């Protein structure tokens, strides 16, 4: 699944128009940075950030990384967390 910058700007607006709270799964600090851009430019954006860890090529599951991600969530957004267990090959 590809989430282009254009999609990241359009989807929160569409979700907001439907009266739904926008949420983003954050598996690295760059995901959160991209999610905040439309909001900082005055547009709608996610209001709920779920910080995830242990995804392939995502943030490692350690406390320092987790705290950095939590501290980067904008004030006023809902925060949650998850740690996934990805299936590994045979």
PDB file of N, CA and C in Angstrom:
ATOM      1  N   UNK A   1       0.846  -1.177   0.000  1.00  0.00           N
ATOM      2  CA  UNK A   1       0.000   0.000   0.000  1.00  0.00           C
ATOM      3  C   UNK A   1       0.888   1.236   0.000  1.00  0.00           C
ATOM      4  N   UNK A   2       0.637   2.127  -0.899  1.00  0.00           N
ATOM      5  CA  UNK A   2       1.424   3.359  -0.983  1.00  0.00           C
ATOM      6  C   UNK A   2       0.608   4.522  -0.429  1.00  0.00           C
ATOM      7  N   UNK A   3       1.230   5.298   0.424  1.00  0.00           N
ATOM      8  CA  UNK A   3       0.618   6.511   0.940  1.00  0.00           C
ATOM      9  C   UNK A   3       1.470   7.683   0.480  1.00  0.00           C
ATOM     10  N   UNK A   4       1.081   8.277  -0.626  1.00  0.00           N
ATOM     11  CA  UNK A   4       1.831   9.397  -1.162  1.00  0.00           C
ATOM     12  C   UNK A   4       1.552  10.648  -0.345  1.00  0.00           C
ATOM     13  N   UNK A   5       2.398  11.683  -0.448  1.00  0.00           N
ATOM     14  CA  UNK A   5       2.099  12.931   0.251  1.00  0.00           C
ATOM     15  C   UNK A   5       0.729  13.501  -0.126  1.00  0.00           C
ATOM     16  N   UNK A   6       0.348  13.361  -1.384  1.00  0.00           N
ATOM     17  CA  UNK A   6      -0.971  13.845  -1.806  1.00  0.00           C
ATOM     18  C   UNK A   6      -2.098  13.107  -1.107  1.00  0.00           C
ATOM     19  N   UNK A   7      -1.946  11.794  -0.978  1.00  0.00           N
ATOM     20  CA  UNK A   7      -2.951  11.009  -0.261  1.00  0.00           C
ATOM     21  C   UNK A   7      -2.991  11.396   1.212  1.00  0.00           C
ATOM     22  N   UNK A   8      -1.821  11.667   1.777  1.00  0.00           N
ATOM     23  CA  UNK A   8      -1.749  12.042   3.192  1.00  0.00           C
ATOM     24  C   UNK A   8      -2.440  13.372   3.452  1.00  0.00           C
ATOM     25  N   UNK A   9      -2.522  14.222   2.433  1.00  0.00           N
ATOM     26  CA  UNK A   9      -3.240  15.488   2.582  1.00  0.00           C
ATOM     27  C   UNK A   9      -4.733  15.319   2.305  1.00  0.00           C
ATOM     28  N   UNK A  10      -5.092  14.475   1.347  1.00  0.00           N
ATOM     29  CA  UNK A  10      -6.490  14.333   0.938  1.00  0.00           C
ATOM     30  C   UNK A  10      -7.310  13.465   1.891  1.00  0.00           C
ATOM     31  N   UNK A  11      -6.739  12.391   2.370  1.00  0.00           N
ATOM     32  CA  UNK A  11      -7.514  11.462   3.193  1.00  0.00           C
ATOM     33  C   UNK A  11      -8.049  12.077   4.485  1.00  0.00           C
ATOM     34  N   UNK A  12      -7.258  12.839   5.252  1.00  0.00           N
ATOM     35  CA  UNK A  12      -7.832  13.441   6.466  1.00  0.00           C
ATOM     36  C   UNK A  12      -9.015  14.360   6.162  1.00  0.00           C
ATOM     37  N   UNK A  13      -8.957  15.064   5.058  1.00  0.00           N
ATOM     38  CA  UNK A  13     -10.069  15.954   4.687  1.00  0.00           C
ATOM     39  C   UNK A  13     -11.321  15.128   4.392  1.00  0.00           C
ATOM     40  N   UNK A  14     -11.162  14.037   3.643  1.00  0.00           N
ATOM     41  CA  UNK A  14     -12.307  13.187   3.316  1.00  0.00           C
ATOM     42  C   UNK A  14     -12.889  12.546   4.575  1.00  0.00           C
ATOM     43  N   UNK A  15     -12.026  12.091   5.457  1.00  0.00           N
ATOM     44  CA  UNK A  15     -12.484  11.468   6.695  1.00  0.00           C
ATOM     45  C   UNK A  15     -13.202  12.492   7.567  1.00  0.00           C
ATOM     46  N   UNK A  16     -12.653  13.689   7.668  1.00  0.00           N
ATOM     47  CA  UNK A  16     -13.268  14.748   8.470  1.00  0.00           C
ATOM     48  C   UNK A  16     -14.650  15.103   7.934  1.00  0.00           C
ATOM     49  N   UNK A  17     -14.802  15.148   6.603  1.00  0.00           N
ATOM     50  CA  UNK A  17     -16.100  15.454   6.003  1.00  0.00           C
ATOM     51  C   UNK A  17     -17.147  14.407   6.345  1.00  0.00           C
ATOM     52  N   UNK A  18     -16.720  13.170   6.612  1.00  0.00           N
ATOM     53  CA  UNK A  18     -17.644  12.105   6.996  1.00  0.00           C
ATOM     54  C   UNK A  18     -17.917  12.099   8.498  1.00  0.00           C
ATOM     55  N   UNK A  19     -17.276  12.999   9.239  1.00  0.00           N
ATOM     56  CA  UNK A  19     -17.485  13.075  10.676  1.00  0.00           C
ATOM     57  C   UNK A  19     -16.763  11.999  11.460  1.00  0.00           C
ATOM     58  N   UNK A  20     -15.678  11.482  10.893  1.00  0.00           N
ATOM     59  CA  UNK A  20     -14.915  10.411  11.532  1.00  0.00           C
ATOM     60  C   UNK A  20     -13.596  10.979  12.061  1.00  0.00           C
ATOM     61  N   UNK A  21     -13.183  10.504  13.216  1.00  0.00           N
ATOM     62  CA  UNK A  21     -11.904  10.913  13.788  1.00  0.00           C
ATOM     63  C   UNK A  21     -10.775  10.240  13.019  1.00  0.00           C
ATOM     64  N   UNK A  22      -9.902  11.026  12.437  1.00  0.00           N
ATOM     65  CA  UNK A  22      -8.789  10.474  11.658  1.00  0.00           C
ATOM     66  C   UNK A  22      -7.731   9.901  12.588  1.00  0.00           C
ATOM     67  N   UNK A  23      -7.170   8.756  12.202  1.00  0.00           N
ATOM     68  CA  UNK A  23      -6.146   8.076  12.984  1.00  0.00           C
ATOM     69  C   UNK A  23      -5.023   7.660  12.050  1.00  0.00           C
ATOM     70  N   UNK A  24      -3.809   7.672  12.560  1.00  0.00           N
ATOM     71  CA  UNK A  24      -2.668   7.236  11.770  1.00  0.00           C
ATOM     72  C   UNK A  24      -1.864   6.228  12.572  1.00  0.00           C
ATOM     73  N   UNK A  25      -1.442   5.173  11.900  1.00  0.00           N
ATOM     74  CA  UNK A  25      -0.528   4.208  12.496  1.00  0.00           C
ATOM     75  C   UNK A  25       0.883   4.736  12.254  1.00  0.00           C
ATOM     76  N   UNK A  26       1.628   4.937  13.297  1.00  0.00           N
ATOM     77  CA  UNK A  26       2.962   5.514  13.222  1.00  0.00           C
ATOM     78  C   UNK A  26       3.987   4.428  13.528  1.00  0.00           C
ATOM     79  N   UNK A  27       4.739   4.012  12.519  1.00  0.00           N
ATOM     80  CA  UNK A  27       5.742   2.979  12.725  1.00  0.00           C
ATOM     81  C   UNK A  27       7.161   3.530  12.670  1.00  0.00           C
ATOM     82  N   UNK A  28       7.289   4.830  12.511  1.00  0.00           N
ATOM     83  CA  UNK A  28       8.594   5.469  12.537  1.00  0.00           C
ATOM     84  C   UNK A  28       8.348   6.967  12.698  1.00  0.00           C
ATOM     85  N   UNK A  29       9.356   7.696  13.127  1.00  0.00           N
ATOM     86  CA  UNK A  29       9.172   9.129  13.352  1.00  0.00           C
ATOM     87  C   UNK A  29       8.825   9.872  12.068  1.00  0.00           C
ATOM     88  N   UNK A  30       9.280   9.379  10.929  1.00  0.00           N
ATOM     89  CA  UNK A  30       8.961  10.025   9.651  1.00  0.00           C
ATOM     90  C   UNK A  30       7.476   9.973   9.332  1.00  0.00           C
ATOM     91  N   UNK A  31       6.794   8.911   9.751  1.00  0.00           N
ATOM     92  CA  UNK A  31       5.347   8.825   9.519  1.00  0.00           C
ATOM     93  C   UNK A  31       4.628   9.949  10.251  1.00  0.00           C
ATOM     94  N   UNK A  32       5.034  10.203  11.478  1.00  0.00           N
ATOM     95  CA  UNK A  32       4.408  11.259  12.256  1.00  0.00           C
ATOM     96  C   UNK A  32       4.730  12.634  11.671  1.00  0.00           C
ATOM     97  N   UNK A  33       5.963  12.810  11.227  1.00  0.00           N
ATOM     98  CA  UNK A  33       6.355  14.082  10.611  1.00  0.00           C
ATOM     99  C   UNK A  33       5.456  14.373   9.406  1.00  0.00           C
ATOM    100  N   UNK A  34       5.227  13.364   8.563  1.00  0.00           N
ATOM    101  CA  UNK A  34       4.368  13.547   7.386  1.00  0.00           C
ATOM    102  C   UNK A  34       2.929  13.830   7.780  1.00  0.00           C
ATOM    103  N   UNK A  35       2.444  13.195   8.834  1.00  0.00           N
ATOM    104  CA  UNK A  35       1.057  13.390   9.277  1.00  0.00           C
ATOM    105  C   UNK A  35       0.842  14.793   9.828  1.00  0.00           C
ATOM    106  N   UNK A  36       1.872  15.372  10.433  1.00  0.00           N
ATOM    107  CA  UNK A  36       1.725  16.704  11.024  1.00  0.00           C
ATOM    108  C   UNK A  36       1.764  17.818   9.988  1.00  0.00           C
ATOM    109  N   UNK A  37       2.331  17.582   8.820  1.00  0.00           N
ATOM    110  CA  UNK A  37       2.499  18.648   7.831  1.00  0.00           C
ATOM    111  C   UNK A  37       1.186  19.323   7.443  1.00  0.00           C
ATOM    112  N   UNK A  38       0.137  18.585   7.060  1.00  0.00           N
ATOM    113  CA  UNK A  38      -1.112  19.273   6.690  1.00  0.00           C
ATOM    114  C   UNK A  38      -1.692  20.085   7.844  1.00  0.00           C
ATOM    115  N   UNK A  39      -1.573  19.582   9.065  1.00  0.00           N
ATOM    116  CA  UNK A  39      -2.099  20.279  10.232  1.00  0.00           C
ATOM    117  C   UNK A  39      -1.345  21.584  10.447  1.00  0.00           C
ATOM    118  N   UNK A  40      -0.025  21.528  10.332  1.00  0.00           N
ATOM    119  CA  UNK A  40       0.788  22.734  10.521  1.00  0.00           C
ATOM    120  C   UNK A  40       0.548  23.768   9.428  1.00  0.00           C
ATOM    121  N   UNK A  41       0.006  23.320   8.284  1.00  0.00           N
ATOM    122  CA  UNK A  41      -0.309  24.233   7.184  1.00  0.00           C
ATOM    123  C   UNK A  41      -1.767  24.679   7.219  1.00  0.00           C
ATOM    124  N   UNK A  42      -2.464  24.375   8.331  1.00  0.00           N
ATOM    125  CA  UNK A  42      -3.831  24.853   8.509  1.00  0.00           C
ATOM    126  C   UNK A  42      -4.912  23.914   8.020  1.00  0.00           C
ATOM    127  N   UNK A  43      -4.554  22.758   7.524  1.00  0.00           N
ATOM    128  CA  UNK A  43      -5.552  21.817   7.036  1.00  0.00           C
ATOM    129  C   UNK A  43      -5.886  20.762   8.069  1.00  0.00           C
ATOM    130  N   UNK A  44      -6.838  19.883   7.734  1.00  0.00           N
ATOM    131  CA  UNK A  44      -7.169  18.805   8.667  1.00  0.00           C
ATOM    132  C   UNK A  44      -6.072  17.750   8.662  1.00  0.00           C
ATOM    133  N   UNK A  45      -6.049  16.982   9.667  1.00  0.00           N
ATOM    134  CA  UNK A  45      -5.085  15.897   9.755  1.00  0.00           C
ATOM    135  C   UNK A  45      -5.538  14.898  10.779  1.00  0.00           C
ATOM    136  N   UNK A  46      -4.779  13.866  10.982  1.00  0.00           N
ATOM    137  CA  UNK A  46      -5.170  12.895  11.987  1.00  0.00           C
ATOM    138  C   UNK A  46      -5.212  13.537  13.359  1.00  0.00           C
ATOM    139  N   UNK A  47      -6.077  13.032  14.189  1.00  0.00           N
ATOM    140  CA  UNK A  47      -6.157  13.523  15.564  1.00  0.00           C
ATOM    141  C   UNK A  47      -5.858  12.409  16.546  1.00  0.00           C
ATOM    142  N   UNK A  48      -5.520  11.248  16.030  1.00  0.00           N
ATOM    143  CA  UNK A  48      -5.202  10.089  16.861  1.00  0.00           C
ATOM    144  C   UNK A  48      -3.964   9.425  16.259  1.00  0.00           C
ATOM    145  N   UNK A  49      -2.925   9.289  17.049  1.00  0.00           N
ATOM    146  CA  UNK A  49      -1.696   8.646  16.584  1.00  0.00           C
ATOM    147  C   UNK A  49      -1.476   7.372  17.381  1.00  0.00           C
ATOM    148  N   UNK A  50      -1.417   6.257  16.694  1.00  0.00           N
ATOM    149  CA  UNK A  50      -1.110   4.979  17.327  1.00  0.00           C
ATOM    150  C   UNK A  50       0.341   4.651  17.032  1.00  0.00           C
ATOM    151  N   UNK A  51       1.186   4.744  18.038  1.00  0.00           N
ATOM    152  CA  UNK A  51       2.607   4.463  17.873  1.00  0.00           C
ATOM    153  C   UNK A  51       2.835   2.965  17.909  1.00  0.00           C
ATOM    154  N   UNK A  52       3.371   2.449  16.823  1.00  0.00           N
ATOM    155  CA  UNK A  52       3.632   1.020  16.729  1.00  0.00           C
ATOM    156  C   UNK A  52       5.124   0.740  16.727  1.00  0.00           C
ATOM    157  N   UNK A  53       5.479  -0.440  17.129  1.00  0.00           N
ATOM    158  CA  UNK A  53       6.894  -0.823  17.146  1.00  0.00           C
ATOM    159  C   UNK A  53       7.038  -2.228  16.600  1.00  0.00           C
ATOM    160  N   UNK A  54       8.208  -2.543  16.206  1.00  0.00           N
ATOM    161  CA  UNK A  54       8.669  -3.845  15.739  1.00  0.00           C
ATOM    162  C   UNK A  54       8.213  -4.210  14.338  1.00  0.00           C
ATOM    163  N   UNK A  55       7.684  -3.246  13.578  1.00  0.00           N
ATOM    164  CA  UNK A  55       7.346  -3.523  12.180  1.00  0.00           C
ATOM    165  C   UNK A  55       8.640  -3.598  11.375  1.00  0.00           C
ATOM    166  N   UNK A  56       8.683  -4.446  10.367  1.00  0.00           N
ATOM    167  CA  UNK A  56       9.896  -4.496   9.538  1.00  0.00           C
ATOM    168  C   UNK A  56      10.238  -3.108   8.987  1.00  0.00           C
ATOM    169  N   UNK A  57      11.471  -2.710   9.121  1.00  0.00           N
ATOM    170  CA  UNK A  57      11.978  -1.411   8.652  1.00  0.00           C
ATOM    171  C   UNK A  57      11.351  -0.233   9.385  1.00  0.00           C
ATOM    172  N   UNK A  58      10.713  -0.480  10.522  1.00  0.00           N
ATOM    173  CA  UNK A  58      10.136   0.590  11.328  1.00  0.00           C
ATOM    174  C   UNK A  58      10.945   0.794  12.597  1.00  0.00           C
ATOM    175  N   UNK A  59      10.357   1.514  13.515  1.00  0.00           N
ATOM    176  CA  UNK A  59      11.030   1.808  14.772  1.00  0.00           C
ATOM    177  C   UNK A  59      11.273   0.535  15.568  1.00  0.00           C
ATOM    178  N   UNK A  60      12.431   0.436  16.203  1.00  0.00           N
ATOM    179  CA  UNK A  60      12.685  -0.728  17.047  1.00  0.00           C
ATOM    180  C   UNK A  60      11.862  -0.649  18.330  1.00  0.00           C
ATOM    181  N   UNK A  61      11.670  -1.755  18.978  1.00  0.00           N
ATOM    182  CA  UNK A  61      10.874  -1.766  20.203  1.00  0.00           C
ATOM    183  C   UNK A  61      11.761  -1.543  21.426  1.00  0.00           C
ATOM    184  N   UNK A  62      12.205  -0.306  21.566  1.00  0.00           N
ATOM    185  CA  UNK A  62      12.973   0.058  22.752  1.00  0.00           C
ATOM    186  C   UNK A  62      12.381   1.332  23.344  1.00  0.00           C
ATOM    187  N   UNK A  63      12.591   1.529  24.622  1.00  0.00           N
ATOM    188  CA  UNK A  63      11.950   2.617  25.341  1.00  0.00           C
ATOM    189  C   UNK A  63      12.333   3.998  24.813  1.00  0.00           C
ATOM    190  N   UNK A  64      13.601   4.226  24.490  1.00  0.00           N
ATOM    191  CA  UNK A  64      14.020   5.550  24.021  1.00  0.00           C
ATOM    192  C   UNK A  64      13.348   5.931  22.705  1.00  0.00           C
ATOM    193  N   UNK A  65      13.265   4.981  21.776  1.00  0.00           N
ATOM    194  CA  UNK A  65      12.604   5.257  20.501  1.00  0.00           C
ATOM    195  C   UNK A  65      11.124   5.510  20.718  1.00  0.00           C
ATOM    196  N   UNK A  66      10.502   4.682  21.548  1.00  0.00           N
ATOM    197  CA  UNK A  66       9.080   4.842  21.838  1.00  0.00           C
ATOM    198  C   UNK A  66       8.799   6.222  22.435  1.00  0.00           C
ATOM    199  N   UNK A  67       9.601   6.638  23.411  1.00  0.00           N
ATOM    200  CA  UNK A  67       9.392   7.953  24.023  1.00  0.00           C
ATOM    201  C   UNK A  67       9.592   9.090  23.032  1.00  0.00           C
ATOM    202  N   UNK A  68      10.564   8.945  22.125  1.00  0.00           N
ATOM    203  CA  UNK A  68      10.764   9.972  21.099  1.00  0.00           C
ATOM    204  C   UNK A  68       9.529  10.093  20.216  1.00  0.00           C
ATOM    205  N   UNK A  69       8.929   8.951  19.870  1.00  0.00           N
ATOM    206  CA  UNK A  69       7.732   8.974  19.033  1.00  0.00           C
ATOM    207  C   UNK A  69       6.545   9.569  19.798  1.00  0.00           C
ATOM    208  N   UNK A  70       6.369   9.176  21.054  1.00  0.00           N
ATOM    209  CA  UNK A  70       5.268   9.708  21.867  1.00  0.00           C
ATOM    210  C   UNK A  70       5.415  11.212  22.052  1.00  0.00           C
ATOM    211  N   UNK A  71       6.630  11.661  22.335  1.00  0.00           N
ATOM    212  CA  UNK A  71       6.859  13.092  22.558  1.00  0.00           C
ATOM    213  C   UNK A  71       6.677  13.925  21.295  1.00  0.00           C
ATOM    214  N   UNK A  72       6.724  13.299  20.127  1.00  0.00           N
ATOM    215  CA  UNK A  72       6.534  14.025  18.864  1.00  0.00           C
ATOM    216  C   UNK A  72       5.068  14.156  18.474  1.00  0.00           C
ATOM    217  N   UNK A  73       4.177  13.447  19.168  1.00  0.00           N
ATOM    218  CA  UNK A  73       2.749  13.566  18.870  1.00  0.00           C
ATOM    219  C   UNK A  73       2.269  14.943  19.325  1.00  0.00           C
ATOM    220  N   UNK A  74       1.580  15.682  18.457  1.00  0.00           N
ATOM    221  CA  UNK A  74       1.142  17.027  18.841  1.00  0.00           C
ATOM    222  C   UNK A  74       0.237  17.031  20.070  1.00  0.00           C
ATOM    223  N   UNK A  75       0.359  18.060  20.853  1.00  0.00           N
ATOM    224  CA  UNK A  75      -0.501  18.249  22.028  1.00  0.00           C
ATOM    225  C   UNK A  75      -1.958  18.302  21.561  1.00  0.00           C
ATOM    226  N   UNK A  76      -2.812  17.596  22.242  1.00  0.00           N
ATOM    227  CA  UNK A  76      -4.226  17.582  21.894  1.00  0.00           C
ATOM    228  C   UNK A  76      -4.648  16.367  21.080  1.00  0.00           C
ATOM    229  N   UNK A  77      -3.703  15.681  20.471  1.00  0.00           N
ATOM    230  CA  UNK A  77      -4.033  14.456  19.739  1.00  0.00           C
ATOM    231  C   UNK A  77      -4.193  13.315  20.737  1.00  0.00           C
ATOM    232  N   UNK A  78      -5.012  12.351  20.404  1.00  0.00           N
ATOM    233  CA  UNK A  78      -5.135  11.131  21.194  1.00  0.00           C
ATOM    234  C   UNK A  78      -3.920  10.261  20.886  1.00  0.00           C
ATOM    235  N   UNK A  79      -3.362   9.654  21.909  1.00  0.00           N
ATOM    236  CA  UNK A  79      -2.191   8.793  21.730  1.00  0.00           C
ATOM    237  C   UNK A  79      -2.539   7.375  22.152  1.00  0.00           C
ATOM    238  N   UNK A  80      -2.045   6.433  21.417  1.00  0.00           N
ATOM    239  CA  UNK A  80      -2.139   5.034  21.814  1.00  0.00           C
ATOM    240  C   UNK A  80      -0.899   4.329  21.303  1.00  0.00           C
ATOM    241  N   UNK A  81      -0.732   3.086  21.698  1.00  0.00           N
ATOM    242  CA  UNK A  81       0.468   2.356  21.305  1.00  0.00           C
ATOM    243  C   UNK A  81       0.127   0.899  21.042  1.00  0.00           C
ATOM    244  N   UNK A  82       0.945   0.287  20.208  1.00  0.00           N
ATOM    245  CA  UNK A  82       0.809  -1.142  19.951  1.00  0.00           C
ATOM    246  C   UNK A  82       2.186  -1.684  19.602  1.00  0.00           C
ATOM    247  N   UNK A  83       2.356  -2.947  19.807  1.00  0.00           N
ATOM    248  CA  UNK A  83       3.586  -3.621  19.408  1.00  0.00           C
ATOM    249  C   UNK A  83       3.156  -4.846  18.629  1.00  0.00           C
ATOM    250  N   UNK A  84       3.538  -4.899  17.397  1.00  0.00           N
ATOM    251  CA  UNK A  84       3.082  -5.968  16.537  1.00  0.00           C
ATOM    252  C   UNK A  84       4.055  -7.138  16.530  1.00  0.00           C
ATOM    253  N   UNK A  85       3.538  -8.274  16.246  1.00  0.00           N
ATOM    254  CA  UNK A  85       4.387  -9.447  16.051  1.00  0.00           C
ATOM    255  C   UNK A  85       4.199  -9.864  14.603  1.00  0.00           C
ATOM    256  N   UNK A  86       5.199  -9.591  13.817  1.00  0.00           N
ATOM    257  CA  UNK A  86       5.128  -9.884  12.381  1.00  0.00           C
ATOM    258  C   UNK A  86       5.543 -11.315  12.132  1.00  0.00           C
ATOM    259  N   UNK A  87       4.845 -11.945  11.230  1.00  0.00           N
ATOM    260  CA  UNK A  87       5.207 -13.310  10.857  1.00  0.00           C
ATOM    261  C   UNK A  87       6.546 -13.290  10.145  1.00  0.00           C
ATOM    262  N   UNK A  88       7.387 -14.166  10.527  1.00  0.00           N
ATOM    263  CA  UNK A  88       8.695 -14.283   9.876  1.00  0.00           C
ATOM    264  C   UNK A  88       8.632 -15.447   8.906  1.00  0.00           C
ATOM    265  N   UNK A  89       9.505 -15.449   7.973  1.00  0.00           N
ATOM    266  CA  UNK A  89       9.559 -16.536   6.990  1.00  0.00           C
ATOM    267  C   UNK A  89       9.835 -17.884   7.645  1.00  0.00           C
ATOM    268  N   UNK A  90       9.792 -18.942   6.856  1.00  0.00           N
ATOM    269  CA  UNK A  90      10.011 -20.282   7.416  1.00  0.00           C
ATOM    270  C   UNK A  90      11.358 -20.444   8.087  1.00  0.00           C
TER     271      UNK A  90
END
